[in-house]
Amino acid sequence: MSAAKHRSEAAEPILHADMDAFFASVEQRDDPSLQGKPVVVGGAGTRGVVAAASYEAREFGIHSAMPMVRARRLCPDLVIVGGKHGHYAEVSKQVMGIFRDFTPLVEPLSLDEAFLDVAGAVRIFGEPVSIAEQIRARIRDELELPCSVGVAPTKSLAKMCSGKAKPDGVFHLTAADVDAFLRPLPVGDLYGAGPKTVERLTQYGFRRIGQIADADERTLCRVVGDKLGRHLHRLARGEDPRAVTPYEGAKSISAEQTFGTDIDDPEELRTYLLRLGEKVSRRLRASEMAGRTVTIKVRFASFQTITRSLTVDLPTDRTHDIVDAALALFDDLRLERSRVRLLGVGVSNLTEGAGARQMELGADQRWEEIDRAADKAVDRFGSGAVTYGALIDAESEQQWSETSEDRRG
């Protein structure tokens, strides 16, 4: 039977599954002494940012993207964990694997959330709400983690419903209840309306989703632009034709570091680029990916941000290649004593790593052998086990603010 026929059997075939306080929940699971305590994951320095907050921390008003200094003021007993992105990525693979046991139509949005179309799975696993409960039960039993699921007729509605399901629950919106559900909600709840859009809509008197649904489409287009106006008008009426698109792989893998104090020493900045290049290349190899375009990002004390990119002939996941490209791009900037607030290194134009290496027949394989040996040492002994000599004397305790890893472009 076709997916379309299955869809007719399930009026609400779209699920949005969202892991609750994912990074913090993983840390609490792995370290039982953290359970029940206010825990955040992120950088502990003066410019550190909260990447994830446990529900115990949220009771103090702490949330993701909040400056760590403010989080500490709100909760003096806050437990700050530096975070292990590679570990979270591995747990995420396990979560996505459970999703795919129910349907191949899984569209990850990040490490901790995904859309699922279960229209074709109802005859095997039961109704969508039952599937949502089965998914939550497996994640709880196999991974010991909480998950909230929204069940609805469309992607945008399922996303909104998962927020209503938190923490650790299921929220089911029937097709018959869509209008009554949407109309009284504030415009900020509409999935697809960002902060600036909400601000502009509010300025023109649109405060409830029902007002957007009732508005003349031409009026909305004048307020927020033609494309967005038409899109929000449909969403406010519960219309969203977008299909769940299975994940095709990350379009870029990157890492950034925000410094506790601005740095104006080019040699010190080069040292940080070495560290960032190492992190990115290890993530590429862990993801079995390689890329052709290396990009550096520099944010100055004035908050001006620039990027520079270099595209090589063949995809690579080698630390040596990525670091060399990043340093060359940095040297071309001739910054002298400019004060830098943030550095980033990224790799895009990705392809499968194994296939990329096979393309370069006859090439010197020693760098790959060094990388493999270094990866094994790091997996066993930690991130400082094998590194560049220039990094040996660097401070062992660095506060990292990672904001752009494994992005979909």
Protein backbone atom coordinates (compact mmCIF):
# COMPACT_ATOMS: atom_id res chain seq x y z
CA MET A 1 0.00 0.00 0.00
CA SER A 2 1.26 3.47 -0.85
CA ALA A 3 2.34 6.00 1.75
CA ALA A 4 -0.59 8.19 0.67
CA LYS A 5 -3.09 5.46 1.55
CA HIS A 6 -1.41 4.85 4.87
CA ARG A 7 -1.60 8.59 5.54
CA SER A 8 -5.37 8.48 5.08
CA GLU A 9 -5.52 5.86 7.82
CA ALA A 10 -3.65 8.11 10.25
CA ALA A 11 -4.92 11.68 10.41
CA GLU A 12 -1.95 12.73 12.57
CA PRO A 13 1.04 10.86 11.06
CA ILE A 14 3.83 13.31 11.93
CA LEU A 15 5.87 13.02 15.11
CA HIS A 16 8.38 15.48 16.50
CA ALA A 17 10.60 13.71 19.03
CA ASP A 18 12.73 15.92 21.24
CA MET A 19 15.16 14.68 23.87
CA ASP A 20 14.66 16.53 27.15
CA ALA A 21 17.66 18.66 28.21
CA PHE A 22 19.73 16.22 26.14
CA PHE A 23 23.33 17.11 27.03
CA ALA A 24 22.50 17.64 30.70
CA SER A 25 20.42 14.44 30.84
CA VAL A 26 23.31 12.43 29.40
CA GLU A 27 25.64 13.86 32.03
CA GLN A 28 23.19 13.04 34.83
CA ARG A 29 22.75 9.52 33.48
CA ASP A 30 26.49 8.92 33.24
CA ASP A 31 27.21 10.39 36.68
CA PRO A 32 24.49 9.43 39.21
CA SER A 33 25.87 11.97 41.70
CA LEU A 34 24.49 14.71 39.40
CA GLN A 35 20.94 13.41 39.44
CA GLY A 36 18.52 15.80 41.09
CA LYS A 37 21.02 18.64 40.98
CA PRO A 38 20.94 21.83 38.88
CA VAL A 39 23.34 20.93 36.05
CA VAL A 40 24.36 22.90 32.99
CA VAL A 41 26.66 22.00 30.13
CA GLY A 42 28.85 24.77 28.73
CA GLY A 43 31.90 26.95 29.25
CA ALA A 44 32.62 28.07 32.80
CA GLY A 45 34.68 31.14 31.84
CA THR A 46 33.56 34.74 31.96
CA ARG A 47 32.24 34.46 28.42
CA GLY A 48 30.96 30.91 28.71
CA VAL A 49 27.44 30.16 27.52
CA VAL A 50 24.93 27.56 28.69
CA ALA A 51 24.57 24.87 26.01
CA ALA A 52 22.01 22.83 27.95
CA ALA A 53 20.31 23.08 31.34
CA SER A 54 18.74 20.30 33.39
CA TYR A 55 15.17 20.76 34.53
CA GLU A 56 16.45 21.33 38.06
CA ALA A 57 18.50 24.26 36.71
CA ARG A 58 15.55 25.58 34.71
CA GLU A 59 13.60 26.01 37.92
CA PHE A 60 16.00 28.90 38.65
CA GLY A 61 15.23 30.53 35.30
CA ILE A 62 18.36 29.18 33.58
CA HIS A 63 18.09 28.30 29.89
CA SER A 64 20.30 27.51 26.91
CA ALA A 65 22.24 30.40 25.32
CA MET A 66 22.28 32.23 28.66
CA PRO A 67 25.66 33.69 29.70
CA MET A 68 27.19 31.44 32.34
CA VAL A 69 27.90 34.42 34.59
CA ARG A 70 24.17 35.13 34.81
CA ALA A 71 23.37 31.43 35.34
CA ARG A 72 25.73 31.35 38.31
CA ARG A 73 24.08 34.41 39.81
CA LEU A 74 20.66 32.78 39.50
CA CYS A 75 21.88 29.55 41.10
CA PRO A 76 25.04 29.71 43.28
CA ASP A 77 25.00 25.89 43.66
CA LEU A 78 24.99 25.35 39.90
CA VAL A 79 27.01 22.35 38.66
CA ILE A 80 28.86 23.20 35.43
CA VAL A 81 30.02 20.37 33.16
CA GLY A 82 32.34 21.11 30.24
CA GLY A 83 30.58 18.78 27.84
CA LYS A 84 31.72 15.98 25.52
CA HIS A 85 30.41 16.60 22.01
CA GLY A 86 31.73 13.33 20.62
CA HIS A 87 29.94 11.37 23.32
CA TYR A 88 26.68 13.22 22.75
CA ALA A 89 26.98 12.47 19.02
CA GLU A 90 27.33 8.75 19.78
CA VAL A 91 24.26 8.79 22.03
CA SER A 92 22.42 10.71 19.30
CA LYS A 93 23.19 7.93 16.82
CA GLN A 94 21.59 5.45 19.22
CA VAL A 95 18.50 7.66 19.53
CA MET A 96 18.16 8.07 15.75
CA GLY A 97 18.61 4.31 15.36
CA ILE A 98 15.57 3.74 17.57
CA PHE A 99 13.57 6.22 15.48
CA ARG A 100 14.53 4.39 12.28
CA ASP A 101 13.38 1.07 13.73
CA PHE A 102 9.84 2.47 13.38
CA THR A 103 10.12 4.35 10.07
CA PRO A 104 12.79 5.18 7.47
CA LEU A 105 11.29 8.68 7.18
CA VAL A 106 13.35 10.38 9.89
CA GLU A 107 14.52 13.99 9.48
CA PRO A 108 16.95 15.04 12.23
CA LEU A 109 17.00 18.73 13.07
CA SER A 110 19.95 18.44 15.46
CA LEU A 111 21.56 15.87 17.73
CA ASP A 112 18.53 15.75 20.00
CA GLU A 113 15.40 16.17 17.87
CA ALA A 114 13.84 14.83 14.69
CA PHE A 115 10.66 14.67 12.65
CA LEU A 116 9.21 11.23 11.86
CA ASP A 117 6.50 10.33 9.34
CA VAL A 118 4.87 7.15 10.65
CA ALA A 119 2.00 6.96 8.14
CA GLY A 120 3.50 3.80 6.67
CA ALA A 121 4.11 2.20 10.07
CA VAL A 122 0.60 2.20 11.57
CA ARG A 123 -0.29 -1.30 10.36
CA ILE A 124 2.81 -2.72 12.06
CA PHE A 125 3.13 -0.65 15.23
CA GLY A 126 -0.33 0.79 15.76
CA GLU A 127 -1.62 4.35 15.76
CA PRO A 128 0.82 7.30 15.85
CA VAL A 129 0.20 7.99 19.54
CA SER A 130 1.01 4.35 20.32
CA ILE A 131 4.20 4.63 18.24
CA ALA A 132 5.18 7.76 20.18
CA GLU A 133 4.78 5.90 23.46
CA GLN A 134 6.75 2.92 22.16
CA ILE A 135 9.59 5.22 21.09
CA ARG A 136 9.68 6.89 24.49
CA ALA A 137 9.64 3.53 26.26
CA ARG A 138 12.56 2.20 24.23
CA ILE A 139 14.63 5.33 24.76
CA ARG A 140 13.90 5.17 28.48
CA ASP A 141 14.63 1.41 28.77
CA GLU A 142 17.66 1.19 26.46
CA LEU A 143 19.30 4.59 26.94
CA GLU A 144 17.90 5.70 30.31
CA LEU A 145 16.99 9.11 28.90
CA PRO A 146 13.75 11.14 28.76
CA CYS A 147 12.08 12.09 25.48
CA SER A 148 9.02 14.17 24.65
CA VAL A 149 6.97 13.62 21.49
CA GLY A 150 4.42 15.75 19.69
CA VAL A 151 1.89 13.97 17.45
CA ALA A 152 0.05 16.06 14.87
CA PRO A 153 -1.12 16.32 11.26
CA THR A 154 1.88 18.42 10.07
CA LYS A 155 5.52 19.12 10.86
CA SER A 156 4.98 22.60 12.25
CA LEU A 157 2.15 21.42 14.50
CA ALA A 158 4.15 18.40 15.72
CA LYS A 159 7.03 20.70 16.63
CA MET A 160 4.71 22.93 18.63
CA CYS A 161 3.13 19.90 20.33
CA SER A 162 6.45 18.45 21.52
CA GLY A 163 6.98 21.64 23.48
CA LYS A 164 3.59 21.12 25.14
CA ALA A 165 4.61 17.52 25.95
CA LYS A 166 7.64 18.48 28.04
CA PRO A 167 9.01 17.17 30.19
CA ASP A 168 8.99 13.49 29.27
CA GLY A 169 5.51 13.17 27.79
CA VAL A 170 3.34 12.93 24.66
CA PHE A 171 1.01 15.61 23.34
CA HIS A 172 -1.47 14.53 20.67
CA LEU A 173 -3.22 17.13 18.54
CA THR A 174 -6.09 15.71 16.49
CA ALA A 175 -6.92 17.14 13.07
CA ALA A 176 -10.32 18.23 14.37
CA ASP A 177 -8.75 20.32 17.15
CA VAL A 178 -6.13 22.18 15.12
CA ASP A 179 -8.01 25.47 14.82
CA ALA A 180 -9.01 25.59 18.48
CA PHE A 181 -5.44 24.76 19.49
CA LEU A 182 -3.77 27.39 17.33
CA ARG A 183 -6.01 30.44 17.57
CA PRO A 184 -5.41 31.51 21.21
CA LEU A 185 -1.65 30.92 21.17
CA PRO A 186 0.77 33.89 21.05
CA VAL A 187 2.41 34.50 17.68
CA GLY A 188 5.78 33.58 19.21
CA ASP A 189 4.58 29.96 19.48
CA LEU A 190 4.18 29.68 15.71
CA TYR A 191 6.96 27.45 14.41
CA GLY A 192 8.65 29.46 11.68
CA ALA A 193 8.29 32.90 13.26
CA GLY A 194 11.65 34.08 14.62
CA PRO A 195 12.14 36.79 17.26
CA LYS A 196 12.48 39.64 14.75
CA THR A 197 9.42 38.48 12.85
CA VAL A 198 7.42 38.23 16.08
CA GLU A 199 8.53 41.74 17.06
CA ARG A 200 7.41 43.14 13.73
CA LEU A 201 4.07 41.30 13.81
CA THR A 202 3.43 42.59 17.34
CA GLN A 203 4.16 46.15 16.25
CA TYR A 204 1.35 45.81 13.70
CA GLY A 205 -1.10 44.42 16.24
CA PHE A 206 -0.73 40.69 15.57
CA ARG A 207 -0.48 39.08 19.00
CA ARG A 208 -2.38 35.79 18.60
CA ILE A 209 -2.06 33.14 15.92
CA GLY A 210 -5.78 33.47 15.24
CA GLN A 211 -5.24 37.07 14.17
CA ILE A 212 -2.69 35.91 11.58
CA ALA A 213 -5.11 33.25 10.34
CA ASP A 214 -7.89 35.84 9.93
CA ALA A 215 -5.69 38.52 8.35
CA ASP A 216 -5.69 39.37 4.67
CA GLU A 217 -2.67 37.64 3.18
CA ARG A 218 -1.65 40.78 1.32
CA THR A 219 -1.47 42.66 4.63
CA LEU A 220 0.84 40.03 6.12
CA CYS A 221 3.04 40.18 3.04
CA ARG A 222 3.42 43.93 3.44
CA VAL A 223 4.42 43.46 7.09
CA VAL A 224 6.95 40.61 6.82
CA GLY A 225 7.54 40.13 3.09
CA ASP A 226 5.78 38.12 0.42
CA LYS A 227 7.30 34.67 0.96
CA LEU A 228 7.22 34.71 4.75
CA GLY A 229 3.78 36.34 4.85
CA ARG A 230 2.23 33.60 2.72
CA HIS A 231 4.07 30.91 4.71
CA LEU A 232 2.93 32.19 8.13
CA HIS A 233 -0.63 32.64 6.89
CA ARG A 234 -0.78 28.95 5.94
CA LEU A 235 0.85 27.79 9.18
CA ALA A 236 -1.61 29.85 11.25
CA ARG A 237 -4.42 27.95 9.53
CA GLY A 238 -2.78 24.61 10.27
CA GLU A 239 -1.63 24.12 6.68
CA ASP A 240 1.90 22.80 6.16
CA PRO A 241 2.56 20.67 3.06
CA ARG A 242 6.24 20.10 3.85
CA ALA A 243 7.15 16.42 3.88
CA VAL A 244 9.51 14.72 6.30
CA THR A 245 12.81 14.52 4.42
CA PRO A 246 15.26 11.81 5.55
CA TYR A 247 18.59 13.16 6.69
CA GLU A 248 21.24 13.36 3.98
CA GLY A 249 24.21 14.06 6.23
CA ALA A 250 25.79 17.15 7.70
CA LYS A 251 26.70 19.91 5.25
CA SER A 252 29.49 21.19 7.46
CA ILE A 253 31.36 20.22 10.59
CA SER A 254 32.93 22.97 12.67
CA ALA A 255 34.07 24.12 16.10
CA GLU A 256 34.40 27.55 17.67
CA GLN A 257 36.02 29.01 20.74
CA THR A 258 35.03 32.20 22.52
CA PHE A 259 37.89 33.56 24.63
CA GLY A 260 37.52 34.64 28.24
CA THR A 261 39.43 37.81 27.35
CA ASP A 262 40.23 39.23 23.93
CA ILE A 263 43.49 38.02 22.37
CA ASP A 264 45.69 40.21 20.19
CA ASP A 265 48.77 37.96 19.91
CA PRO A 266 48.84 36.33 16.43
CA GLU A 267 50.99 33.43 17.65
CA GLU A 268 48.57 32.65 20.45
CA LEU A 269 45.70 32.76 17.99
CA ARG A 270 47.57 30.36 15.70
CA THR A 271 47.86 27.96 18.65
CA TYR A 272 44.10 28.03 19.12
CA LEU A 273 43.62 27.37 15.41
CA LEU A 274 45.74 24.23 15.81
CA ARG A 275 43.44 23.05 18.59
CA LEU A 276 40.29 23.82 16.60
CA GLY A 277 41.67 22.11 13.50
CA GLU A 278 42.37 19.00 15.54
CA LYS A 279 38.83 18.93 16.93
CA VAL A 280 37.21 19.36 13.54
CA SER A 281 39.33 16.71 11.84
CA ARG A 282 38.60 14.19 14.61
CA ARG A 283 34.89 14.85 14.27
CA LEU A 284 35.15 14.34 10.52
CA ARG A 285 36.83 10.99 10.99
CA ALA A 286 34.36 9.97 13.69
CA SER A 287 31.53 10.79 11.27
CA GLU A 288 33.35 9.04 8.39
CA MET A 289 33.23 12.27 6.42
CA ALA A 290 35.74 14.36 4.50
CA GLY A 291 35.45 17.80 2.94
CA ARG A 292 37.01 20.08 0.33
CA THR A 293 36.36 23.54 1.78
CA VAL A 294 38.07 24.79 4.94
CA THR A 295 36.68 27.97 6.50
CA ILE A 296 37.92 30.09 9.39
CA LYS A 297 35.75 32.52 11.32
CA VAL A 298 37.13 35.49 13.24
CA ARG A 299 35.06 37.72 15.51
CA PHE A 300 36.78 40.86 16.74
CA ALA A 301 36.28 42.70 20.03
CA SER A 302 33.97 45.08 18.16
CA PHE A 303 31.78 42.04 17.27
CA GLN A 304 32.62 42.46 13.58
CA THR A 305 32.82 38.95 12.15
CA ILE A 306 34.65 37.82 9.02
CA THR A 307 35.08 34.44 7.33
CA ARG A 308 37.65 33.20 4.83
CA SER A 309 37.51 29.93 2.89
CA LEU A 310 39.87 27.74 0.89
CA THR A 311 38.77 24.87 -1.37
CA VAL A 312 41.21 22.05 -2.10
CA ASP A 313 41.18 19.60 -5.01
CA LEU A 314 40.26 16.45 -3.07
CA PRO A 315 38.15 15.88 0.07
CA THR A 316 40.20 15.35 3.21
CA ASP A 317 39.71 14.43 6.85
CA ARG A 318 43.40 14.70 7.70
CA THR A 319 44.38 16.94 10.58
CA HIS A 320 47.52 18.07 8.77
CA ASP A 321 45.57 19.28 5.70
CA ILE A 322 42.87 21.08 7.67
CA VAL A 323 45.27 22.80 10.05
CA ASP A 324 47.56 23.91 7.21
CA ALA A 325 44.61 25.42 5.32
CA ALA A 326 43.28 27.18 8.43
CA LEU A 327 46.68 28.67 9.25
CA ALA A 328 47.19 29.83 5.66
CA LEU A 329 43.83 31.60 5.70
CA PHE A 330 44.66 33.19 9.04
CA ASP A 331 48.10 34.37 7.93
CA ASP A 332 46.57 35.99 4.84
CA LEU A 333 44.50 38.24 7.13
CA ARG A 334 47.66 39.95 8.48
CA LEU A 335 45.88 40.88 11.69
CA GLU A 336 48.94 42.13 13.55
CA ARG A 337 47.57 43.20 16.99
CA SER A 338 43.82 43.16 16.32
CA ARG A 339 41.84 42.06 19.37
CA VAL A 340 39.96 38.81 18.69
CA ARG A 341 37.00 37.56 20.68
CA LEU A 342 36.20 34.30 18.85
CA LEU A 343 37.85 31.88 16.43
CA GLY A 344 36.24 29.09 14.45
CA VAL A 345 37.30 26.41 11.97
CA GLY A 346 34.90 24.52 9.72
CA VAL A 347 34.93 22.05 6.85
CA SER A 348 32.17 21.85 4.22
CA ASN A 349 31.54 20.32 0.76
CA LEU A 350 31.41 16.99 2.56
CA THR A 351 31.46 13.46 1.23
CA GLU A 352 32.06 10.06 2.73
CA GLY A 353 35.56 9.91 4.15
CA ALA A 354 36.46 6.42 3.03
CA GLY A 355 35.52 7.19 -0.56
CA ALA A 356 37.49 10.42 -0.50
CA ARG A 357 40.66 8.67 0.62
CA GLN A 358 40.35 6.09 -2.14
CA MET A 359 40.34 8.84 -4.76
CA GLU A 360 43.88 9.88 -3.95
CA LEU A 361 45.71 6.81 -5.20
CA GLY A 362 49.43 6.70 -4.63
CA ALA A 363 49.37 9.50 -2.09
CA ASP A 364 51.53 9.47 1.02
CA GLN A 365 49.46 7.59 3.60
CA ARG A 366 51.63 8.41 6.61
CA TRP A 367 49.44 11.31 7.75
CA GLU A 368 46.41 9.02 7.76
CA GLU A 369 48.32 6.47 9.84
CA ILE A 370 49.32 9.20 12.30
CA ASP A 371 45.71 10.40 12.52
CA ARG A 372 44.39 6.89 13.15
CA ALA A 373 46.95 6.29 15.89
CA ALA A 374 46.17 9.68 17.46
CA ASP A 375 42.44 9.00 17.38
CA LYS A 376 42.91 5.70 19.20
CA ALA A 377 45.06 7.38 21.85
CA VAL A 378 42.55 10.18 22.34
CA ASP A 379 39.66 7.70 22.61
CA ARG A 380 41.53 5.82 25.31
CA PHE A 381 43.36 8.53 27.25
CA GLY A 382 41.56 11.80 26.51
CA SER A 383 41.92 14.82 24.26
CA GLY A 384 45.43 15.75 25.39
CA ALA A 385 46.98 12.33 24.81
CA VAL A 386 48.36 13.16 21.35
CA THR A 387 48.61 16.68 20.02
CA TYR A 388 50.83 19.22 18.31
CA GLY A 389 54.00 20.15 20.15
CA ALA A 390 52.90 23.78 20.10
CA LEU A 391 49.91 22.84 22.22
CA ILE A 392 51.77 20.93 24.91
CA ASP A 393 52.49 24.05 26.94
CA ALA A 394 49.03 25.51 26.41
CA GLU A 395 46.78 25.69 29.41
CA SER A 396 45.10 22.36 30.10
CA GLU A 397 41.90 23.99 31.31
CA GLN A 398 40.25 25.86 28.44
CA GLN A 399 36.70 27.15 28.49
CA TRP A 400 34.98 26.24 25.25
CA SER A 401 31.86 27.70 23.76
CA GLU A 402 30.95 25.42 20.86
CA THR A 403 28.04 26.69 18.85
CA SER A 404 28.27 25.32 15.34
CA GLU A 405 29.14 21.66 15.26
CA ASP A 406 27.75 19.29 12.61
CA ARG A 407 25.43 21.94 11.17
CA ARG A 408 23.08 21.36 8.33
CA GLY A 409 23.55 24.33 6.04
